[in-house]
PDB file of N, CA and C in Angstrom:
ATOM      1  N   UNK A   1      30.852 -34.142 143.301  1.00  0.00           N
ATOM      2  CA  UNK A   1      31.963 -35.053 143.087  1.00  0.00           C
ATOM      3  C   UNK A   1      31.587 -36.420 143.651  1.00  0.00           C
ATOM      4  N   UNK A   2      31.714 -37.451 142.871  1.00  0.00           N
ATOM      5  CA  UNK A   2      31.424 -38.814 143.308  1.00  0.00           C
ATOM      6  C   UNK A   2      32.678 -39.450 143.884  1.00  0.00           C
ATOM      7  N   UNK A   3      32.488 -40.147 144.965  1.00  0.00           N
ATOM      8  CA  UNK A   3      33.596 -40.898 145.559  1.00  0.00           C
ATOM      9  C   UNK A   3      33.710 -42.210 144.800  1.00  0.00           C
ATOM     10  N   UNK A   4      34.891 -42.525 144.345  1.00  0.00           N
ATOM     11  CA  UNK A   4      35.050 -43.799 143.639  1.00  0.00           C
ATOM     12  C   UNK A   4      34.813 -44.936 144.610  1.00  0.00           C
ATOM     13  N   UNK A   5      34.417 -46.064 144.079  1.00  0.00           N
ATOM     14  CA  UNK A   5      34.070 -47.198 144.912  1.00  0.00           C
ATOM     15  C   UNK A   5      35.258 -47.681 145.726  1.00  0.00           C
ATOM     16  N   UNK A   6      36.478 -47.457 145.261  1.00  0.00           N
ATOM     17  CA  UNK A   6      37.642 -47.911 146.019  1.00  0.00           C
ATOM     18  C   UNK A   6      37.944 -46.984 147.189  1.00  0.00           C
ATOM     19  N   UNK A   7      37.362 -45.783 147.239  1.00  0.00           N
ATOM     20  CA  UNK A   7      37.624 -44.835 148.308  1.00  0.00           C
ATOM     21  C   UNK A   7      36.594 -44.911 149.433  1.00  0.00           C
ATOM     22  N   UNK A   8      35.566 -45.706 149.283  1.00  0.00           N
ATOM     23  CA  UNK A   8      34.545 -45.786 150.325  1.00  0.00           C
ATOM     24  C   UNK A   8      35.096 -46.461 151.567  1.00  0.00           C
ATOM     25  N   UNK A   9      34.821 -45.878 152.726  1.00  0.00           N
ATOM     26  CA  UNK A   9      35.289 -46.526 153.957  1.00  0.00           C
ATOM     27  C   UNK A   9      34.498 -47.795 154.245  1.00  0.00           C
ATOM     28  N   UNK A  10      35.116 -48.756 154.899  1.00  0.00           N
ATOM     29  CA  UNK A  10      34.413 -49.993 155.240  1.00  0.00           C
ATOM     30  C   UNK A  10      33.212 -49.726 156.154  1.00  0.00           C
ATOM     31  N   UNK A  11      32.180 -50.546 155.995  1.00  0.00           N
ATOM     32  CA  UNK A  11      30.958 -50.439 156.803  1.00  0.00           C
ATOM     33  C   UNK A  11      30.760 -51.727 157.581  1.00  0.00           C
ATOM     34  N   UNK A  12      29.963 -51.645 158.636  1.00  0.00           N
ATOM     35  CA  UNK A  12      29.670 -52.812 159.473  1.00  0.00           C
ATOM     36  C   UNK A  12      28.322 -52.605 160.145  1.00  0.00           C
ATOM     37  N   UNK A  13      27.841 -53.642 160.814  1.00  0.00           N
ATOM     38  CA  UNK A  13      26.609 -53.575 161.588  1.00  0.00           C
ATOM     39  C   UNK A  13      26.989 -53.651 163.064  1.00  0.00           C
ATOM     40  N   UNK A  14      26.498 -52.694 163.839  1.00  0.00           N
ATOM     41  CA  UNK A  14      26.725 -52.669 165.276  1.00  0.00           C
ATOM     42  C   UNK A  14      25.458 -53.154 165.971  1.00  0.00           C
ATOM     43  N   UNK A  15      25.595 -54.145 166.824  1.00  0.00           N
ATOM     44  CA  UNK A  15      24.467 -54.671 167.595  1.00  0.00           C
ATOM     45  C   UNK A  15      24.674 -54.234 169.041  1.00  0.00           C
ATOM     46  N   UNK A  16      23.673 -53.542 169.604  1.00  0.00           N
ATOM     47  CA  UNK A  16      23.772 -53.098 170.995  1.00  0.00           C
ATOM     48  C   UNK A  16      22.515 -53.472 171.759  1.00  0.00           C
ATOM     49  N   UNK A  17      22.669 -53.556 173.063  1.00  0.00           N
ATOM     50  CA  UNK A  17      21.524 -53.782 173.931  1.00  0.00           C
ATOM     51  C   UNK A  17      21.652 -52.813 175.102  1.00  0.00           C
ATOM     52  N   UNK A  18      20.566 -52.091 175.390  1.00  0.00           N
ATOM     53  CA  UNK A  18      20.555 -51.102 176.460  1.00  0.00           C
ATOM     54  C   UNK A  18      19.273 -51.235 177.266  1.00  0.00           C
ATOM     55  N   UNK A  19      19.314 -50.791 178.513  1.00  0.00           N
ATOM     56  CA  UNK A  19      18.116 -50.782 179.351  1.00  0.00           C
ATOM     57  C   UNK A  19      17.236 -49.606 178.969  1.00  0.00           C
ATOM     58  N   UNK A  20      15.909 -49.871 178.883  1.00  0.00           N
ATOM     59  CA  UNK A  20      14.977 -48.813 178.524  1.00  0.00           C
ATOM     60  C   UNK A  20      13.569 -49.190 178.977  1.00  0.00           C
ATOM     61  N   UNK A  21      12.903 -48.315 179.702  1.00  0.00           N
ATOM     62  CA  UNK A  21      11.496 -48.485 180.078  1.00  0.00           C
ATOM     63  C   UNK A  21      11.161 -49.877 180.613  1.00  0.00           C
ATOM     64  N   UNK A  22      11.942 -50.380 181.546  1.00  0.00           N
ATOM     65  CA  UNK A  22      11.662 -51.673 182.139  1.00  0.00           C
ATOM     66  C   UNK A  22      11.965 -52.856 181.241  1.00  0.00           C
ATOM     67  N   UNK A  23      12.652 -52.613 180.152  1.00  0.00           N
ATOM     68  CA  UNK A  23      13.004 -53.685 179.232  1.00  0.00           C
ATOM     69  C   UNK A  23      14.403 -53.484 178.696  1.00  0.00           C
ATOM     70  N   UNK A  24      14.693 -54.190 177.643  1.00  0.00           N
ATOM     71  CA  UNK A  24      15.982 -54.084 176.974  1.00  0.00           C
ATOM     72  C   UNK A  24      15.752 -53.700 175.524  1.00  0.00           C
ATOM     73  N   UNK A  25      16.465 -52.702 175.038  1.00  0.00           N
ATOM     74  CA  UNK A  25      16.364 -52.267 173.648  1.00  0.00           C
ATOM     75  C   UNK A  25      17.502 -52.911 172.879  1.00  0.00           C
ATOM     76  N   UNK A  26      17.148 -53.746 171.897  1.00  0.00           N
ATOM     77  CA  UNK A  26      18.112 -54.380 171.008  1.00  0.00           C
ATOM     78  C   UNK A  26      18.130 -53.566 169.720  1.00  0.00           C
ATOM     79  N   UNK A  27      19.287 -53.014 169.370  1.00  0.00           N
ATOM     80  CA  UNK A  27      19.383 -52.118 168.210  1.00  0.00           C
ATOM     81  C   UNK A  27      20.426 -52.599 167.219  1.00  0.00           C
ATOM     82  N   UNK A  28      20.132 -52.369 165.946  1.00  0.00           N
ATOM     83  CA  UNK A  28      21.085 -52.594 164.860  1.00  0.00           C
ATOM     84  C   UNK A  28      21.340 -51.244 164.202  1.00  0.00           C
ATOM     85  N   UNK A  29      22.607 -50.881 164.099  1.00  0.00           N
ATOM     86  CA  UNK A  29      22.985 -49.616 163.476  1.00  0.00           C
ATOM     87  C   UNK A  29      24.075 -49.851 162.442  1.00  0.00           C
ATOM     88  N   UNK A  30      24.057 -49.038 161.397  1.00  0.00           N
ATOM     89  CA  UNK A  30      25.126 -49.064 160.402  1.00  0.00           C
ATOM     90  C   UNK A  30      26.254 -48.182 160.904  1.00  0.00           C
ATOM     91  N   UNK A  31      27.482 -48.703 160.849  1.00  0.00           N
ATOM     92  CA  UNK A  31      28.646 -47.923 161.251  1.00  0.00           C
ATOM     93  C   UNK A  31      29.656 -47.900 160.110  1.00  0.00           C
ATOM     94  N   UNK A  32      30.544 -46.910 160.173  1.00  0.00           N
ATOM     95  CA  UNK A  32      31.560 -46.714 159.145  1.00  0.00           C
ATOM     96  C   UNK A  32      32.908 -46.545 159.826  1.00  0.00           C
ATOM     97  N   UNK A  33      33.939 -47.184 159.265  1.00  0.00           N
ATOM     98  CA  UNK A  33      35.280 -47.050 159.835  1.00  0.00           C
ATOM     99  C   UNK A  33      35.854 -45.682 159.471  1.00  0.00           C
ATOM    100  N   UNK A  34      36.258 -44.935 160.494  1.00  0.00           N
ATOM    101  CA  UNK A  34      36.858 -43.618 160.295  1.00  0.00           C
ATOM    102  C   UNK A  34      38.370 -43.647 160.480  1.00  0.00           C
ATOM    103  N   UNK A  35      38.850 -44.628 161.227  1.00  0.00           N
ATOM    104  CA  UNK A  35      40.278 -44.811 161.490  1.00  0.00           C
ATOM    105  C   UNK A  35      40.456 -46.294 161.836  1.00  0.00           C
ATOM    106  N   UNK A  36      41.683 -46.780 161.903  1.00  0.00           N
ATOM    107  CA  UNK A  36      41.872 -48.203 162.184  1.00  0.00           C
ATOM    108  C   UNK A  36      41.120 -48.703 163.425  1.00  0.00           C
ATOM    109  N   UNK A  37      41.021 -47.882 164.455  1.00  0.00           N
ATOM    110  CA  UNK A  37      40.342 -48.300 165.684  1.00  0.00           C
ATOM    111  C   UNK A  37      39.107 -47.466 165.987  1.00  0.00           C
ATOM    112  N   UNK A  38      38.538 -46.795 164.993  1.00  0.00           N
ATOM    113  CA  UNK A  38      37.394 -45.916 165.247  1.00  0.00           C
ATOM    114  C   UNK A  38      36.267 -46.169 164.250  1.00  0.00           C
ATOM    115  N   UNK A  39      35.108 -46.526 164.794  1.00  0.00           N
ATOM    116  CA  UNK A  39      33.902 -46.723 163.997  1.00  0.00           C
ATOM    117  C   UNK A  39      32.888 -45.670 164.417  1.00  0.00           C
ATOM    118  N   UNK A  40      32.180 -45.092 163.453  1.00  0.00           N
ATOM    119  CA  UNK A  40      31.207 -44.037 163.714  1.00  0.00           C
ATOM    120  C   UNK A  40      29.850 -44.472 163.173  1.00  0.00           C
ATOM    121  N   UNK A  41      28.805 -44.235 163.969  1.00  0.00           N
ATOM    122  CA  UNK A  41      27.455 -44.593 163.519  1.00  0.00           C
ATOM    123  C   UNK A  41      27.049 -43.707 162.349  1.00  0.00           C
ATOM    124  N   UNK A  42      26.544 -44.346 161.281  1.00  0.00           N
ATOM    125  CA  UNK A  42      26.018 -43.594 160.138  1.00  0.00           C
ATOM    126  C   UNK A  42      24.505 -43.524 160.191  1.00  0.00           C
ATOM    127  N   UNK A  43      23.856 -44.679 160.279  1.00  0.00           N
ATOM    128  CA  UNK A  43      22.395 -44.707 160.306  1.00  0.00           C
ATOM    129  C   UNK A  43      21.914 -45.721 161.334  1.00  0.00           C
ATOM    130  N   UNK A  44      20.763 -45.393 161.920  1.00  0.00           N
ATOM    131  CA  UNK A  44      20.073 -46.376 162.753  1.00  0.00           C
ATOM    132  C   UNK A  44      19.281 -47.254 161.789  1.00  0.00           C
ATOM    133  N   UNK A  45      19.345 -48.565 161.965  1.00  0.00           N
ATOM    134  CA  UNK A  45      18.656 -49.475 161.047  1.00  0.00           C
ATOM    135  C   UNK A  45      17.334 -49.964 161.631  1.00  0.00           C
ATOM    136  N   UNK A  46      17.377 -50.597 162.784  1.00  0.00           N
ATOM    137  CA  UNK A  46      16.142 -51.086 163.404  1.00  0.00           C
ATOM    138  C   UNK A  46      16.401 -51.362 164.874  1.00  0.00           C
ATOM    139  N   UNK A  47      15.305 -51.462 165.636  1.00  0.00           N
ATOM    140  CA  UNK A  47      15.440 -51.822 167.047  1.00  0.00           C
ATOM    141  C   UNK A  47      14.156 -52.473 167.534  1.00  0.00           C
ATOM    142  N   UNK A  48      14.275 -53.122 168.681  1.00  0.00           N
ATOM    143  CA  UNK A  48      13.127 -53.816 169.268  1.00  0.00           C
ATOM    144  C   UNK A  48      13.255 -53.739 170.778  1.00  0.00           C
ATOM    145  N   UNK A  49      12.133 -53.435 171.447  1.00  0.00           N
ATOM    146  CA  UNK A  49      12.100 -53.443 172.897  1.00  0.00           C
ATOM    147  C   UNK A  49      11.729 -54.844 173.362  1.00  0.00           C
ATOM    148  N   UNK A  50      12.547 -55.408 174.224  1.00  0.00           N
ATOM    149  CA  UNK A  50      12.353 -56.771 174.726  1.00  0.00           C
ATOM    150  C   UNK A  50      11.996 -56.673 176.203  1.00  0.00           C
ATOM    151  N   UNK A  51      10.942 -57.354 176.616  1.00  0.00           N
ATOM    152  CA  UNK A  51      10.588 -57.382 178.029  1.00  0.00           C
ATOM    153  C   UNK A  51      11.703 -58.065 178.814  1.00  0.00           C
ATOM    154  N   UNK A  52      12.059 -57.450 179.906  1.00  0.00           N
ATOM    155  CA  UNK A  52      13.113 -58.036 180.733  1.00  0.00           C
ATOM    156  C   UNK A  52      12.470 -58.843 181.851  1.00  0.00           C
ATOM    157  N   UNK A  53      12.488 -60.153 181.714  1.00  0.00           N
ATOM    158  CA  UNK A  53      11.881 -61.038 182.712  1.00  0.00           C
ATOM    159  C   UNK A  53      12.810 -61.219 183.898  1.00  0.00           C
ATOM    160  N   UNK A  54      14.072 -61.226 183.642  1.00  0.00           N
ATOM    161  CA  UNK A  54      15.070 -61.290 184.715  1.00  0.00           C
ATOM    162  C   UNK A  54      16.376 -60.750 184.152  1.00  0.00           C
ATOM    163  N   UNK A  55      17.304 -60.508 185.011  1.00  0.00           N
ATOM    164  CA  UNK A  55      18.586 -59.973 184.542  1.00  0.00           C
ATOM    165  C   UNK A  55      19.363 -60.972 183.696  1.00  0.00           C
ATOM    166  N   UNK A  56      19.109 -62.261 183.894  1.00  0.00           N
ATOM    167  CA  UNK A  56      19.900 -63.293 183.219  1.00  0.00           C
ATOM    168  C   UNK A  56      19.194 -63.965 182.055  1.00  0.00           C
ATOM    169  N   UNK A  57      17.939 -63.594 181.749  1.00  0.00           N
ATOM    170  CA  UNK A  57      17.187 -64.344 180.748  1.00  0.00           C
ATOM    171  C   UNK A  57      16.653 -63.444 179.644  1.00  0.00           C
ATOM    172  N   UNK A  58      16.941 -63.798 178.420  1.00  0.00           N
ATOM    173  CA  UNK A  58      16.306 -63.200 177.247  1.00  0.00           C
ATOM    174  C   UNK A  58      15.936 -64.375 176.361  1.00  0.00           C
ATOM    175  N   UNK A  59      14.689 -64.461 175.982  1.00  0.00           N
ATOM    176  CA  UNK A  59      14.300 -65.582 175.133  1.00  0.00           C
ATOM    177  C   UNK A  59      13.692 -65.060 173.841  1.00  0.00           C
ATOM    178  N   UNK A  60      13.994 -65.739 172.756  1.00  0.00           N
ATOM    179  CA  UNK A  60      13.487 -65.391 171.432  1.00  0.00           C
ATOM    180  C   UNK A  60      12.894 -66.655 170.819  1.00  0.00           C
ATOM    181  N   UNK A  61      11.787 -66.503 170.108  1.00  0.00           N
ATOM    182  CA  UNK A  61      11.273 -67.665 169.392  1.00  0.00           C
ATOM    183  C   UNK A  61      12.049 -67.818 168.081  1.00  0.00           C
ATOM    184  N   UNK A  62      11.811 -68.905 167.382  1.00  0.00           N
ATOM    185  CA  UNK A  62      12.574 -69.208 166.157  1.00  0.00           C
ATOM    186  C   UNK A  62      12.410 -68.118 165.093  1.00  0.00           C
ATOM    187  N   UNK A  63      11.208 -67.573 164.941  1.00  0.00           N
ATOM    188  CA  UNK A  63      10.978 -66.528 163.941  1.00  0.00           C
ATOM    189  C   UNK A  63      11.761 -65.260 164.282  1.00  0.00           C
ATOM    190  N   UNK A  64      11.766 -64.868 165.557  1.00  0.00           N
ATOM    191  CA  UNK A  64      12.523 -63.682 165.969  1.00  0.00           C
ATOM    192  C   UNK A  64      14.015 -63.866 165.700  1.00  0.00           C
ATOM    193  N   UNK A  65      14.537 -65.044 166.012  1.00  0.00           N
ATOM    194  CA  UNK A  65      15.949 -65.306 165.744  1.00  0.00           C
ATOM    195  C   UNK A  65      16.245 -65.262 164.246  1.00  0.00           C
ATOM    196  N   UNK A  66      15.364 -65.847 163.442  1.00  0.00           N
ATOM    197  CA  UNK A  66      15.550 -65.836 161.986  1.00  0.00           C
ATOM    198  C   UNK A  66      15.478 -64.410 161.444  1.00  0.00           C
ATOM    199  N   UNK A  67      14.528 -63.618 161.932  1.00  0.00           N
ATOM    200  CA  UNK A  67      14.394 -62.224 161.485  1.00  0.00           C
ATOM    201  C   UNK A  67      15.632 -61.410 161.846  1.00  0.00           C
ATOM    202  N   UNK A  68      16.139 -61.619 163.050  1.00  0.00           N
ATOM    203  CA  UNK A  68      17.329 -60.915 163.510  1.00  0.00           C
ATOM    204  C   UNK A  68      18.515 -61.224 162.595  1.00  0.00           C
ATOM    205  N   UNK A  69      18.723 -62.504 162.314  1.00  0.00           N
ATOM    206  CA  UNK A  69      19.804 -62.901 161.406  1.00  0.00           C
ATOM    207  C   UNK A  69      19.606 -62.346 160.013  1.00  0.00           C
ATOM    208  N   UNK A  70      18.361 -62.330 159.545  1.00  0.00           N
ATOM    209  CA  UNK A  70      18.053 -61.793 158.216  1.00  0.00           C
ATOM    210  C   UNK A  70      18.419 -60.311 158.137  1.00  0.00           C
ATOM    211  N   UNK A  71      18.072 -59.541 159.164  1.00  0.00           N
ATOM    212  CA  UNK A  71      18.403 -58.109 159.165  1.00  0.00           C
ATOM    213  C   UNK A  71      19.909 -57.889 159.079  1.00  0.00           C
ATOM    214  N   UNK A  72      20.657 -58.644 159.852  1.00  0.00           N
ATOM    215  CA  UNK A  72      22.116 -58.481 159.836  1.00  0.00           C
ATOM    216  C   UNK A  72      22.682 -58.843 158.466  1.00  0.00           C
ATOM    217  N   UNK A  73      22.282 -59.991 157.930  1.00  0.00           N
ATOM    218  CA  UNK A  73      22.804 -60.412 156.622  1.00  0.00           C
ATOM    219  C   UNK A  73      22.371 -59.477 155.504  1.00  0.00           C
ATOM    220  N   UNK A  74      21.164 -58.915 155.580  1.00  0.00           N
ATOM    221  CA  UNK A  74      20.698 -57.967 154.559  1.00  0.00           C
ATOM    222  C   UNK A  74      21.571 -56.716 154.549  1.00  0.00           C
ATOM    223  N   UNK A  75      21.931 -56.210 155.721  1.00  0.00           N
ATOM    224  CA  UNK A  75      22.797 -55.024 155.784  1.00  0.00           C
ATOM    225  C   UNK A  75      24.185 -55.355 155.240  1.00  0.00           C
ATOM    226  N   UNK A  76      24.741 -56.492 155.632  1.00  0.00           N
ATOM    227  CA  UNK A  76      26.069 -56.857 155.151  1.00  0.00           C
ATOM    228  C   UNK A  76      26.075 -57.058 153.639  1.00  0.00           C
ATOM    229  N   UNK A  77      25.007 -57.646 153.096  1.00  0.00           N
ATOM    230  CA  UNK A  77      24.902 -57.812 151.644  1.00  0.00           C
ATOM    231  C   UNK A  77      24.840 -56.443 150.958  1.00  0.00           C
ATOM    232  N   UNK A  78      24.086 -55.507 151.543  1.00  0.00           N
ATOM    233  CA  UNK A  78      24.008 -54.157 150.965  1.00  0.00           C
ATOM    234  C   UNK A  78      25.383 -53.496 150.955  1.00  0.00           C
ATOM    235  N   UNK A  79      26.156 -53.667 152.020  1.00  0.00           N
ATOM    236  CA  UNK A  79      27.494 -53.092 152.058  1.00  0.00           C
ATOM    237  C   UNK A  79      28.379 -53.727 150.994  1.00  0.00           C
ATOM    238  N   UNK A  80      28.282 -55.046 150.839  1.00  0.00           N
ATOM    239  CA  UNK A  80      29.082 -55.741 149.827  1.00  0.00           C
ATOM    240  C   UNK A  80      28.700 -55.271 148.431  1.00  0.00           C
ATOM    241  N   UNK A  81      27.410 -55.121 148.182  1.00  0.00           N
ATOM    242  CA  UNK A  81      26.956 -54.666 146.862  1.00  0.00           C
ATOM    243  C   UNK A  81      27.456 -53.267 146.540  1.00  0.00           C
ATOM    244  N   UNK A  82      27.619 -52.446 147.567  1.00  0.00           N
ATOM    245  CA  UNK A  82      28.106 -51.082 147.368  1.00  0.00           C
ATOM    246  C   UNK A  82      29.614 -50.945 147.539  1.00  0.00           C
ATOM    247  N   UNK A  83      30.325 -52.069 147.555  1.00  0.00           N
ATOM    248  CA  UNK A  83      31.781 -52.085 147.756  1.00  0.00           C
ATOM    249  C   UNK A  83      32.182 -51.328 149.017  1.00  0.00           C
ATOM    250  N   UNK A  84      31.434 -51.535 150.088  1.00  0.00           N
ATOM    251  CA  UNK A  84      31.709 -50.848 151.349  1.00  0.00           C
ATOM    252  C   UNK A  84      32.202 -51.814 152.429  1.00  0.00           C
ATOM    253  N   UNK A  85      32.820 -52.905 152.018  1.00  0.00           N
ATOM    254  CA  UNK A  85      33.428 -53.824 152.977  1.00  0.00           C
ATOM    255  C   UNK A  85      34.854 -54.090 152.571  1.00  0.00           C
TER     256      UNK A  85
END
């Protein structure tokens, strides 16, 4: 049975940062709305381990920032194309 496009739950991109192996893990995951205040992870999309130079500093070069934005916009475009927003 196929779910009609109007029945698909809304999707979003979740950005998280966690401590891992002396660095910070920056992750992008696809999430789906299950209830008005509840989002559930569907798929892990990508992640990157960032060296933690200090607790207050994270630096990215221009290419890393552009790539990060590209990943987020690519996921949102995919959701829009699939009528999942």
